[in-house]
Amino acid sequence: MTDPSAPQMTAPVSHPEQDGRGQDGRGQIIDGKAFARNLTATIAREVEIFHDRHGITPGLAVVLVGNDPASEVYVRNKALQTHRTGMLSFMHMLPESTSQAQLLNLIDRLNRDPEIHGILVQLPLPKHIDATLVTNAIDPRKDVDGLGEVNAGRLSLGLEGIVPCTPLGCLLLLRHELGSLRGLDALVIGASNLVGKPMAQLLLNEGCTVSIAHIDTRDTPALARRADILVVATGHRGLVRGDWIKPGATVIDVGITRIPTEGGKTRLVGDVAFDEARHVAARITPVPGGVGPMTIACLLRNTLTAARLCAGD
């Protein structure tokens, strides 16, 4: 099962209020793109070693139901990155009219296919398909998204398991920037099953004191001002303002929203008001170029982990 501690990038143990800010008084930008590039290169080397040892090439199957252009681009990028690490990629592009029974039959075939070590069903699914049922139909050993009940349960119990890609990427960035997280106060804003809940559990397992804020939380800014670590995953652009942030905190912005700009173009923004926050935080992820690249890198890492499970490593 996935151990979030490996592979790790070397980093000194530091206190979030003692360093991190530049000479201009602004917080350092956490370069998720560079970290993901290094992590992917490490995975490619490990894939080669794994193949030499076992004669097995890890294989990832990605299933997309429907014709959403953004999802199609995202899925094809996953396939490209999979090939670059020396793994096999299997794409299943299904029409919107695909029935739940047809999708479950495909998953059953992938579960039994020895060439497939990881299965990812791209979310969201069409409304006529039960996403929870589909997710739990994936063999837990091949559940590289880490969203099935078995892997979610193992995470909640502090046991080794396949961890959801985005929270795992956030954790690796935090470890790289801060070293040990033990004893730090952390706030996760957003309580989704995809990011918020597993992120909180990972931080708890690291020894943090963890709070979760959601739509019914009465005074989220007050909670945020106490947090050494602030992870924001709500989908509401610019929700977190600079005066919400504790001076010297580390801010991980998971949110991503595309907004129009002058000239008919668009740009991506996060859940945190970046310019305001950078004047207060010691470290902060940008959007884009922060958490996003880590998600795909961790998907590849989880696929290698799944292949190792199959080989008995």
Protein backbone atom coordinates (compact mmCIF):
# COMPACT_ATOMS: atom_id res chain seq x y z
CA MET A 1 0.00 0.00 0.00
CA THR A 2 1.04 3.60 -0.47
CA ASP A 3 3.32 5.05 2.19
CA PRO A 4 3.06 8.85 1.93
CA SER A 5 6.60 9.16 3.26
CA ALA A 6 8.32 7.87 0.13
CA PRO A 7 9.81 9.08 -2.07
CA GLN A 8 10.63 12.28 -0.18
CA MET A 9 12.57 15.36 -1.16
CA THR A 10 15.22 16.45 1.33
CA ALA A 11 14.19 19.44 3.44
CA PRO A 12 15.30 20.88 6.78
CA VAL A 13 12.95 20.91 9.72
CA SER A 14 11.78 24.50 10.16
CA HIS A 15 9.21 26.54 12.02
CA PRO A 16 6.68 28.31 9.82
CA GLU A 17 7.09 31.63 11.63
CA GLN A 18 10.90 31.73 11.46
CA ASP A 19 11.69 31.63 7.76
CA GLY A 20 10.25 31.48 4.28
CA ARG A 21 9.72 35.19 3.55
CA GLY A 22 11.78 36.95 0.91
CA GLN A 23 13.65 40.23 1.20
CA ASP A 24 10.67 42.04 -0.33
CA GLY A 25 8.56 40.91 2.64
CA ARG A 26 6.44 38.58 0.54
CA GLY A 27 6.04 34.87 1.05
CA GLN A 28 7.95 32.39 -1.05
CA ILE A 29 6.11 30.72 -3.92
CA ILE A 30 5.95 26.93 -3.59
CA ASP A 31 6.88 25.63 -7.03
CA GLY A 32 4.64 22.59 -7.41
CA LYS A 33 5.53 22.30 -11.08
CA ALA A 34 9.23 21.83 -10.34
CA PHE A 35 8.53 19.43 -7.47
CA ALA A 36 6.21 17.36 -9.68
CA ARG A 37 8.83 17.26 -12.43
CA ASN A 38 11.43 15.89 -9.99
CA LEU A 39 8.95 13.41 -8.53
CA THR A 40 7.98 12.17 -12.01
CA ALA A 41 11.64 11.69 -12.92
CA THR A 42 12.11 9.64 -9.73
CA ILE A 43 9.07 7.53 -10.61
CA ALA A 44 10.41 6.88 -14.13
CA ARG A 45 13.67 5.54 -12.66
CA GLU A 46 11.75 3.35 -10.21
CA VAL A 47 9.54 2.01 -13.01
CA GLU A 48 12.66 0.92 -14.88
CA ILE A 49 14.07 -0.79 -11.77
CA PHE A 50 10.73 -2.45 -11.10
CA HIS A 51 10.55 -3.78 -14.67
CA ASP A 52 14.12 -5.12 -14.50
CA ARG A 53 13.30 -6.92 -11.25
CA HIS A 54 9.89 -8.37 -12.11
CA GLY A 55 9.49 -8.15 -15.89
CA ILE A 56 6.29 -6.13 -15.31
CA THR A 57 5.42 -2.76 -16.83
CA PRO A 58 2.86 -0.89 -14.67
CA GLY A 59 -0.35 -0.17 -16.55
CA LEU A 60 -2.91 2.58 -15.93
CA ALA A 61 -6.45 2.47 -17.34
CA VAL A 62 -8.33 5.78 -17.46
CA VAL A 63 -12.06 5.78 -18.15
CA LEU A 64 -13.92 8.88 -19.33
CA VAL A 65 -17.70 8.85 -19.82
CA GLY A 66 -19.06 11.73 -21.87
CA ASN A 67 -17.59 14.38 -24.12
CA ASP A 68 -16.56 17.22 -21.84
CA PRO A 69 -13.70 19.01 -23.67
CA ALA A 70 -11.85 20.00 -20.48
CA SER A 71 -11.99 16.43 -19.15
CA GLU A 72 -10.78 15.08 -22.49
CA VAL A 73 -7.73 17.35 -22.41
CA TYR A 74 -7.02 16.40 -18.79
CA VAL A 75 -7.33 12.68 -19.49
CA ARG A 76 -5.07 12.85 -22.54
CA ASN A 77 -2.47 14.70 -20.48
CA LYS A 78 -2.56 11.87 -17.94
CA ALA A 79 -1.94 9.38 -20.74
CA LEU A 80 1.01 11.41 -22.03
CA GLN A 81 2.59 11.64 -18.58
CA THR A 82 2.04 7.90 -18.04
CA HIS A 83 3.96 7.08 -21.22
CA ARG A 84 6.77 9.44 -20.26
CA THR A 85 7.45 7.45 -17.09
CA GLY A 86 7.66 4.20 -19.05
CA MET A 87 4.26 2.89 -17.95
CA LEU A 88 1.47 1.58 -20.15
CA SER A 89 -1.63 3.72 -20.69
CA PHE A 90 -5.06 2.36 -21.62
CA MET A 91 -7.71 4.90 -22.58
CA HIS A 92 -11.45 4.14 -22.55
CA MET A 93 -13.46 7.05 -23.97
CA LEU A 94 -17.14 6.16 -23.58
CA PRO A 95 -20.17 8.06 -24.90
CA GLU A 96 -22.52 9.97 -22.59
CA SER A 97 -25.18 7.34 -23.26
CA THR A 98 -23.11 4.58 -21.61
CA SER A 99 -25.29 2.82 -19.04
CA GLN A 100 -24.24 2.15 -15.47
CA ALA A 101 -24.27 -1.60 -16.19
CA GLN A 102 -21.96 -1.15 -19.17
CA LEU A 103 -19.52 0.89 -17.11
CA LEU A 104 -19.54 -1.66 -14.29
CA ASN A 105 -18.89 -4.44 -16.81
CA LEU A 106 -15.86 -2.54 -18.11
CA ILE A 107 -14.52 -2.06 -14.59
CA ASP A 108 -14.96 -5.78 -13.91
CA ARG A 109 -12.88 -6.59 -17.00
CA LEU A 110 -10.18 -4.11 -15.95
CA ASN A 111 -10.12 -5.57 -12.44
CA ARG A 112 -9.35 -8.99 -13.94
CA ASP A 113 -6.85 -7.77 -16.56
CA PRO A 114 -3.27 -8.59 -15.44
CA GLU A 115 -1.84 -5.77 -17.58
CA ILE A 116 -3.88 -3.19 -15.65
CA HIS A 117 -2.52 -2.21 -12.23
CA GLY A 118 -4.35 1.08 -11.76
CA ILE A 119 -7.89 2.12 -12.69
CA LEU A 120 -9.13 5.71 -12.69
CA VAL A 121 -12.69 6.69 -13.60
CA GLN A 122 -12.74 10.40 -14.39
CA LEU A 123 -15.25 12.35 -12.31
CA PRO A 124 -17.85 13.75 -12.52
CA LEU A 125 -19.90 11.01 -14.16
CA PRO A 126 -23.21 11.59 -15.97
CA LYS A 127 -26.17 11.97 -13.63
CA HIS A 128 -27.66 8.59 -14.49
CA ILE A 129 -24.58 6.79 -13.09
CA ASP A 130 -23.99 6.30 -9.34
CA ALA A 131 -20.42 7.52 -8.84
CA THR A 132 -20.12 5.91 -5.39
CA LEU A 133 -21.17 2.52 -6.74
CA VAL A 134 -18.68 2.81 -9.61
CA THR A 135 -15.81 3.90 -7.38
CA ASN A 136 -16.37 1.00 -4.99
CA ALA A 137 -16.51 -1.47 -7.88
CA ILE A 138 -12.81 -0.85 -8.53
CA ASP A 139 -10.50 -3.41 -6.92
CA PRO A 140 -9.03 -1.55 -3.88
CA ARG A 141 -5.55 -2.66 -4.97
CA LYS A 142 -6.13 -0.88 -8.30
CA ASP A 143 -7.97 2.15 -6.89
CA VAL A 144 -5.26 4.69 -7.78
CA ASP A 145 -7.60 7.60 -6.98
CA GLY A 146 -7.85 6.28 -3.41
CA LEU A 147 -11.56 7.15 -3.26
CA GLY A 148 -13.10 3.74 -2.61
CA GLU A 149 -14.45 2.83 0.81
CA VAL A 150 -11.61 0.39 1.56
CA ASN A 151 -8.79 2.88 0.98
CA ALA A 152 -10.74 5.71 2.63
CA GLY A 153 -11.29 3.49 5.66
CA ARG A 154 -7.63 2.51 5.87
CA LEU A 155 -6.64 6.17 5.77
CA SER A 156 -9.10 7.04 8.56
CA LEU A 157 -7.61 4.26 10.71
CA GLY A 158 -4.06 5.42 10.08
CA LEU A 159 -3.24 2.29 8.08
CA GLU A 160 -1.24 2.14 4.86
CA GLY A 161 -3.42 2.45 1.78
CA ILE A 162 -3.65 4.17 -1.58
CA VAL A 163 -4.11 7.86 -0.79
CA PRO A 164 -6.12 10.29 -2.98
CA CYS A 165 -3.77 12.03 -5.37
CA THR A 166 -4.44 15.70 -4.65
CA PRO A 167 -4.21 15.48 -0.82
CA LEU A 168 -1.09 13.33 -1.16
CA GLY A 169 0.46 15.97 -3.41
CA CYS A 170 -0.35 18.67 -0.85
CA LEU A 171 1.25 16.60 1.91
CA LEU A 172 4.45 16.05 -0.07
CA LEU A 173 4.73 19.80 -0.73
CA LEU A 174 4.20 20.58 2.96
CA ARG A 175 6.84 18.07 4.03
CA HIS A 176 9.29 19.48 1.53
CA GLU A 177 8.72 23.04 2.73
CA LEU A 178 8.42 22.49 6.48
CA GLY A 179 10.07 19.17 7.30
CA SER A 180 8.26 17.72 10.31
CA LEU A 181 4.64 18.85 10.66
CA ARG A 182 4.24 17.48 14.17
CA GLY A 183 2.60 19.87 16.61
CA LEU A 184 1.52 22.46 14.02
CA ASP A 185 -2.02 23.84 13.87
CA ALA A 186 -3.69 23.08 10.53
CA LEU A 187 -6.99 24.21 9.05
CA VAL A 188 -8.57 22.59 6.00
CA ILE A 189 -11.26 24.74 4.42
CA GLY A 190 -13.57 22.43 2.48
CA ALA A 191 -14.87 19.04 3.60
CA SER A 192 -15.21 17.10 0.35
CA ASN A 193 -14.50 13.38 0.11
CA LEU A 194 -12.12 14.14 -2.75
CA VAL A 195 -9.80 16.58 -0.97
CA GLY A 196 -10.93 18.04 2.35
CA LYS A 197 -11.59 14.94 4.45
CA PRO A 198 -8.56 12.90 3.30
CA MET A 199 -6.35 15.99 3.61
CA ALA A 200 -7.42 16.48 7.21
CA GLN A 201 -6.75 12.82 7.97
CA LEU A 202 -3.28 12.95 6.43
CA LEU A 203 -2.42 16.01 8.51
CA LEU A 204 -3.79 14.33 11.63
CA ASN A 205 -1.61 11.29 10.90
CA GLU A 206 1.37 13.67 10.66
CA GLY A 207 0.78 14.86 14.22
CA CYS A 208 -0.93 18.16 13.40
CA THR A 209 -3.80 19.60 15.40
CA VAL A 210 -6.46 19.72 12.68
CA SER A 211 -9.68 21.66 12.16
CA ILE A 212 -12.03 21.42 9.18
CA ALA A 213 -14.15 24.38 8.09
CA HIS A 214 -17.19 23.95 5.85
CA ILE A 215 -20.26 25.85 4.71
CA ASP A 216 -21.84 25.76 8.19
CA THR A 217 -18.71 26.90 10.07
CA ARG A 218 -19.59 30.09 11.95
CA ASP A 219 -16.30 32.01 11.90
CA THR A 220 -13.86 30.53 9.41
CA PRO A 221 -11.58 33.62 9.36
CA ALA A 222 -10.99 33.29 13.11
CA LEU A 223 -10.00 29.64 12.71
CA ALA A 224 -7.73 30.51 9.80
CA ARG A 225 -5.86 33.18 11.76
CA ARG A 226 -4.67 30.48 14.22
CA ALA A 227 -3.42 28.05 11.56
CA ASP A 228 0.25 27.40 10.82
CA ILE A 229 -0.91 25.40 7.80
CA LEU A 230 -3.92 26.46 5.73
CA VAL A 231 -5.24 24.17 2.96
CA VAL A 232 -8.11 25.60 0.93
CA ALA A 233 -10.26 23.46 -1.37
CA THR A 234 -13.72 24.96 -1.88
CA GLY A 235 -14.04 25.96 -5.53
CA HIS A 236 -14.94 29.54 -4.52
CA ARG A 237 -12.40 31.89 -6.10
CA GLY A 238 -10.76 34.45 -3.85
CA LEU A 239 -12.62 33.21 -0.77
CA VAL A 240 -9.64 33.47 1.58
CA ARG A 241 -8.41 37.04 2.02
CA GLY A 242 -5.06 38.22 3.27
CA ASP A 243 -6.43 39.21 6.68
CA TRP A 244 -7.58 35.62 7.25
CA ILE A 245 -3.99 34.35 7.32
CA LYS A 246 -1.70 34.00 10.32
CA PRO A 247 1.62 35.81 9.67
CA GLY A 248 4.22 33.22 8.67
CA ALA A 249 1.71 30.51 7.77
CA THR A 250 2.05 28.09 4.86
CA VAL A 251 -0.88 28.27 2.44
CA ILE A 252 -1.83 25.48 0.03
CA ASP A 253 -4.44 26.59 -2.52
CA VAL A 254 -6.19 23.61 -4.14
CA GLY A 255 -8.95 25.63 -5.82
CA ILE A 256 -8.96 26.38 -9.53
CA THR A 257 -11.44 28.53 -11.45
CA ARG A 258 -11.20 29.91 -14.97
CA ILE A 259 -12.30 33.54 -15.28
CA PRO A 260 -12.58 35.87 -18.30
CA THR A 261 -10.06 38.65 -18.87
CA GLU A 262 -9.80 41.53 -21.30
CA GLY A 263 -9.57 40.63 -24.96
CA GLY A 264 -11.80 37.60 -24.64
CA LYS A 265 -9.12 35.47 -22.99
CA THR A 266 -9.28 33.62 -19.67
CA ARG A 267 -6.99 32.92 -16.75
CA LEU A 268 -6.92 30.54 -13.81
CA VAL A 269 -7.31 31.69 -10.20
CA GLY A 270 -7.50 29.88 -6.88
CA ASP A 271 -9.57 29.96 -3.72
CA VAL A 272 -7.06 32.31 -2.07
CA ALA A 273 -6.62 36.01 -2.92
CA PHE A 274 -3.01 35.37 -3.91
CA ASP A 275 -1.54 38.89 -3.89
CA GLU A 276 -3.07 39.70 -0.50
CA ALA A 277 -2.09 36.37 1.02
CA ARG A 278 1.51 36.52 -0.16
CA HIS A 279 2.10 39.66 1.90
CA VAL A 280 1.22 37.69 5.07
CA ALA A 281 2.08 34.04 4.47
CA ALA A 282 5.63 32.69 4.59
CA ARG A 283 4.93 30.23 1.77
CA ILE A 284 2.09 29.86 -0.71
CA THR A 285 1.21 27.76 -3.75
CA PRO A 286 0.29 29.65 -6.93
CA VAL A 287 -2.60 28.87 -9.27
CA PRO A 288 -1.69 27.53 -11.74
CA GLY A 289 1.63 25.81 -11.07
CA GLY A 290 1.09 24.75 -7.48
CA VAL A 291 -1.03 21.76 -6.51
CA GLY A 292 -2.26 20.89 -10.02
CA PRO A 293 0.96 19.32 -11.37
CA MET A 294 1.31 17.32 -8.15
CA THR A 295 -2.03 15.58 -8.71
CA ILE A 296 -0.90 13.87 -11.91
CA ALA A 297 2.55 13.07 -10.46
CA CYS A 298 0.90 11.38 -7.48
CA LEU A 299 -1.42 9.45 -9.78
CA LEU A 300 1.66 7.98 -11.46
CA ARG A 301 3.16 7.26 -8.05
CA ASN A 302 -0.01 5.46 -6.97
CA THR A 303 0.04 3.39 -10.17
CA LEU A 304 3.57 2.20 -9.42
CA THR A 305 2.48 1.41 -5.86
CA ALA A 306 -0.43 -0.66 -7.21
CA ALA A 307 1.93 -2.59 -9.50
CA ARG A 308 4.19 -3.31 -6.54
CA LEU A 309 1.20 -4.66 -4.65
CA CYS A 310 0.48 -7.02 -7.54
CA ALA A 311 4.10 -8.18 -7.60
CA GLY A 312 4.21 -8.68 -3.84
CA ASP A 313 6.86 -5.99 -3.28
